[in-house]
């Protein structure tokens, strides 16, 4: 007997995707349902659509700006789209004024700061240098 929508929800416990690991898990579940095509039940289709929205939301929040943008523009973009704030960068830059300078482009990032910011956003540190 096929799983009901409630069962699918209970088995997966879908939530806003925050990490690449969660993204891969939800994407895998979406792909399995997508591949069923005509054999997919209405409840599975409904659940697949929910997973698709979660994937779309994560992709939108984690899309990368152009590589032609400056490191400061990339950092601003990531702050704007990730749900993080400039205050979250104080641990990296040491003080609020240094964060403001980094976001404006007046202060370049050191290699260590790029590593920390890269870890925060799950990106290669070279993206910020």
C-alpha atoms as a PDB file:
ATOM      1  CA  UNK A   1       0.000   0.000   0.000  1.00  0.00           C
ATOM      2  CA  UNK A   2       1.498   3.389  -0.993  1.00  0.00           C
ATOM      3  CA  UNK A   3       2.504   5.859   1.714  1.00  0.00           C
ATOM      4  CA  UNK A   4       0.085   8.655   2.511  1.00  0.00           C
ATOM      5  CA  UNK A   5       1.107  12.300   2.522  1.00  0.00           C
ATOM      6  CA  UNK A   6       1.145  12.224   6.340  1.00  0.00           C
ATOM      7  CA  UNK A   7       3.419   9.190   6.335  1.00  0.00           C
ATOM      8  CA  UNK A   8       5.771  10.781   3.831  1.00  0.00           C
ATOM      9  CA  UNK A   9       5.956  13.895   6.019  1.00  0.00           C
ATOM     10  CA  UNK A  10       6.524  11.852   9.172  1.00  0.00           C
ATOM     11  CA  UNK A  11       9.263   9.760   7.541  1.00  0.00           C
ATOM     12  CA  UNK A  12      11.150  12.788   6.227  1.00  0.00           C
ATOM     13  CA  UNK A  13      10.285  15.602   8.654  1.00  0.00           C
ATOM     14  CA  UNK A  14      10.917  18.231   5.966  1.00  0.00           C
ATOM     15  CA  UNK A  15      12.261  21.584   7.098  1.00  0.00           C
ATOM     16  CA  UNK A  16      14.030  24.613   5.692  1.00  0.00           C
ATOM     17  CA  UNK A  17      17.300  23.364   4.206  1.00  0.00           C
ATOM     18  CA  UNK A  18      20.311  24.944   5.911  1.00  0.00           C
ATOM     19  CA  UNK A  19      23.263  22.684   5.041  1.00  0.00           C
ATOM     20  CA  UNK A  20      24.628  20.976   1.936  1.00  0.00           C
ATOM     21  CA  UNK A  21      24.038  17.610   3.651  1.00  0.00           C
ATOM     22  CA  UNK A  22      20.338  18.405   4.148  1.00  0.00           C
ATOM     23  CA  UNK A  23      20.200  19.616   0.543  1.00  0.00           C
ATOM     24  CA  UNK A  24      21.628  16.342  -0.778  1.00  0.00           C
ATOM     25  CA  UNK A  25      19.211  14.281   1.342  1.00  0.00           C
ATOM     26  CA  UNK A  26      16.121  16.228   0.266  1.00  0.00           C
ATOM     27  CA  UNK A  27      17.291  16.286  -3.362  1.00  0.00           C
ATOM     28  CA  UNK A  28      17.780  12.506  -3.300  1.00  0.00           C
ATOM     29  CA  UNK A  29      14.242  12.007  -1.955  1.00  0.00           C
ATOM     30  CA  UNK A  30      12.889  14.401  -4.587  1.00  0.00           C
ATOM     31  CA  UNK A  31      14.721  12.514  -7.374  1.00  0.00           C
ATOM     32  CA  UNK A  32      13.324   9.147  -6.283  1.00  0.00           C
ATOM     33  CA  UNK A  33       9.790  10.531  -6.435  1.00  0.00           C
ATOM     34  CA  UNK A  34      10.449  12.374  -9.693  1.00  0.00           C
ATOM     35  CA  UNK A  35      11.712   9.184 -11.349  1.00  0.00           C
ATOM     36  CA  UNK A  36       8.460   7.370 -10.514  1.00  0.00           C
ATOM     37  CA  UNK A  37       6.647   9.579 -13.051  1.00  0.00           C
ATOM     38  CA  UNK A  38       3.323   7.933 -13.978  1.00  0.00           C
ATOM     39  CA  UNK A  39       3.448   5.469 -11.082  1.00  0.00           C
ATOM     40  CA  UNK A  40       3.656   8.297  -8.528  1.00  0.00           C
ATOM     41  CA  UNK A  41       0.556   8.608  -6.335  1.00  0.00           C
ATOM     42  CA  UNK A  42      -1.203  11.960  -5.824  1.00  0.00           C
ATOM     43  CA  UNK A  43       0.159  12.057  -2.247  1.00  0.00           C
ATOM     44  CA  UNK A  44       3.691  11.419  -3.520  1.00  0.00           C
ATOM     45  CA  UNK A  45       3.265  14.163  -6.118  1.00  0.00           C
ATOM     46  CA  UNK A  46       2.054  16.560  -3.425  1.00  0.00           C
ATOM     47  CA  UNK A  47       5.043  15.656  -1.229  1.00  0.00           C
ATOM     48  CA  UNK A  48       7.470  15.945  -4.149  1.00  0.00           C
ATOM     49  CA  UNK A  49       6.175  19.473  -4.824  1.00  0.00           C
ATOM     50  CA  UNK A  50       6.881  20.411  -1.189  1.00  0.00           C
ATOM     51  CA  UNK A  51      10.429  19.061  -1.457  1.00  0.00           C
ATOM     52  CA  UNK A  52      10.837  20.982  -4.715  1.00  0.00           C
ATOM     53  CA  UNK A  53       9.901  24.222  -2.943  1.00  0.00           C
ATOM     54  CA  UNK A  54      12.447  23.533  -0.203  1.00  0.00           C
ATOM     55  CA  UNK A  55      15.125  22.871  -2.833  1.00  0.00           C
ATOM     56  CA  UNK A  56      14.169  26.003  -4.757  1.00  0.00           C
ATOM     57  CA  UNK A  57      14.334  28.092  -1.564  1.00  0.00           C
ATOM     58  CA  UNK A  58      17.811  26.758  -0.711  1.00  0.00           C
ATOM     59  CA  UNK A  59      19.046  27.350  -4.266  1.00  0.00           C
ATOM     60  CA  UNK A  60      17.719  30.915  -4.204  1.00  0.00           C
ATOM     61  CA  UNK A  61      19.357  31.667  -0.843  1.00  0.00           C
ATOM     62  CA  UNK A  62      22.660  30.081  -1.810  1.00  0.00           C
ATOM     63  CA  UNK A  63      23.061  31.162  -5.415  1.00  0.00           C
ATOM     64  CA  UNK A  64      26.448  32.678  -6.006  1.00  0.00           C
ATOM     65  CA  UNK A  65      27.057  36.106  -7.492  1.00  0.00           C
ATOM     66  CA  UNK A  66      29.114  36.505 -10.615  1.00  0.00           C
ATOM     67  CA  UNK A  67      32.817  35.713 -10.350  1.00  0.00           C
ATOM     68  CA  UNK A  68      33.390  39.148 -11.889  1.00  0.00           C
ATOM     69  CA  UNK A  69      32.060  40.795  -8.704  1.00  0.00           C
ATOM     70  CA  UNK A  70      34.543  42.024  -6.116  1.00  0.00           C
ATOM     71  CA  UNK A  71      35.046  40.020  -2.910  1.00  0.00           C
ATOM     72  CA  UNK A  72      33.114  42.733  -1.030  1.00  0.00           C
ATOM     73  CA  UNK A  73      30.191  42.452  -3.473  1.00  0.00           C
ATOM     74  CA  UNK A  74      30.217  38.673  -3.090  1.00  0.00           C
ATOM     75  CA  UNK A  75      30.228  38.974   0.686  1.00  0.00           C
ATOM     76  CA  UNK A  76      27.357  41.496   0.636  1.00  0.00           C
ATOM     77  CA  UNK A  77      25.369  39.218  -1.653  1.00  0.00           C
ATOM     78  CA  UNK A  78      25.870  36.240   0.629  1.00  0.00           C
ATOM     79  CA  UNK A  79      24.864  38.239   3.702  1.00  0.00           C
ATOM     80  CA  UNK A  80      21.715  39.462   1.931  1.00  0.00           C
ATOM     81  CA  UNK A  81      20.643  36.038   0.687  1.00  0.00           C
ATOM     82  CA  UNK A  82      21.737  33.704   3.482  1.00  0.00           C
ATOM     83  CA  UNK A  83      19.786  35.010   6.436  1.00  0.00           C
ATOM     84  CA  UNK A  84      23.010  35.941   8.190  1.00  0.00           C
ATOM     85  CA  UNK A  85      23.752  39.492   9.300  1.00  0.00           C
ATOM     86  CA  UNK A  86      26.803  41.713   9.348  1.00  0.00           C
ATOM     87  CA  UNK A  87      26.937  41.067  13.103  1.00  0.00           C
ATOM     88  CA  UNK A  88      27.652  37.402  12.324  1.00  0.00           C
ATOM     89  CA  UNK A  89      30.937  38.535  10.751  1.00  0.00           C
ATOM     90  CA  UNK A  90      32.269  40.245  13.889  1.00  0.00           C
ATOM     91  CA  UNK A  91      33.830  36.958  15.029  1.00  0.00           C
ATOM     92  CA  UNK A  92      35.769  36.903  11.755  1.00  0.00           C
ATOM     93  CA  UNK A  93      36.809  40.565  11.505  1.00  0.00           C
ATOM     94  CA  UNK A  94      37.097  41.395  15.197  1.00  0.00           C
ATOM     95  CA  UNK A  95      35.007  44.532  15.349  1.00  0.00           C
ATOM     96  CA  UNK A  96      31.991  46.138  13.735  1.00  0.00           C
ATOM     97  CA  UNK A  97      33.983  48.839  11.940  1.00  0.00           C
ATOM     98  CA  UNK A  98      36.168  46.182  10.259  1.00  0.00           C
ATOM     99  CA  UNK A  99      33.033  44.337   9.118  1.00  0.00           C
ATOM    100  CA  UNK A 100      31.684  47.568   7.608  1.00  0.00           C
ATOM    101  CA  UNK A 101      34.992  48.197   5.856  1.00  0.00           C
ATOM    102  CA  UNK A 102      35.080  44.638   4.482  1.00  0.00           C
ATOM    103  CA  UNK A 103      31.511  44.939   3.208  1.00  0.00           C
ATOM    104  CA  UNK A 104      32.254  48.277   1.550  1.00  0.00           C
ATOM    105  CA  UNK A 105      35.472  47.025  -0.031  1.00  0.00           C
ATOM    106  CA  UNK A 106      37.672  49.403   1.950  1.00  0.00           C
ATOM    107  CA  UNK A 107      39.304  46.505   3.838  1.00  0.00           C
ATOM    108  CA  UNK A 108      40.497  43.451   1.911  1.00  0.00           C
ATOM    109  CA  UNK A 109      40.177  40.068   3.606  1.00  0.00           C
ATOM    110  CA  UNK A 110      43.230  38.303   4.916  1.00  0.00           C
ATOM    111  CA  UNK A 111      43.736  34.655   3.993  1.00  0.00           C
ATOM    112  CA  UNK A 112      42.662  33.627   7.508  1.00  0.00           C
ATOM    113  CA  UNK A 113      39.496  35.741   7.301  1.00  0.00           C
ATOM    114  CA  UNK A 114      38.733  34.259   3.868  1.00  0.00           C
ATOM    115  CA  UNK A 115      39.070  30.760   5.373  1.00  0.00           C
ATOM    116  CA  UNK A 116      36.675  31.637   8.197  1.00  0.00           C
ATOM    117  CA  UNK A 117      34.137  33.275   5.877  1.00  0.00           C
ATOM    118  CA  UNK A 118      34.463  30.356   3.451  1.00  0.00           C
ATOM    119  CA  UNK A 119      33.693  27.947   6.268  1.00  0.00           C
ATOM    120  CA  UNK A 120      30.708  30.073   7.350  1.00  0.00           C
ATOM    121  CA  UNK A 121      29.195  29.967   3.841  1.00  0.00           C
ATOM    122  CA  UNK A 122      30.504  26.518   2.801  1.00  0.00           C
ATOM    123  CA  UNK A 123      32.618  28.025   0.018  1.00  0.00           C
ATOM    124  CA  UNK A 124      36.232  27.872  -1.091  1.00  0.00           C
ATOM    125  CA  UNK A 125      38.197  30.650   0.671  1.00  0.00           C
ATOM    126  CA  UNK A 126      39.674  31.713  -2.675  1.00  0.00           C
ATOM    127  CA  UNK A 127      36.226  32.986  -3.606  1.00  0.00           C
ATOM    128  CA  UNK A 128      36.832  35.919  -1.225  1.00  0.00           C
ATOM    129  CA  UNK A 129      40.387  36.833  -2.187  1.00  0.00           C
END
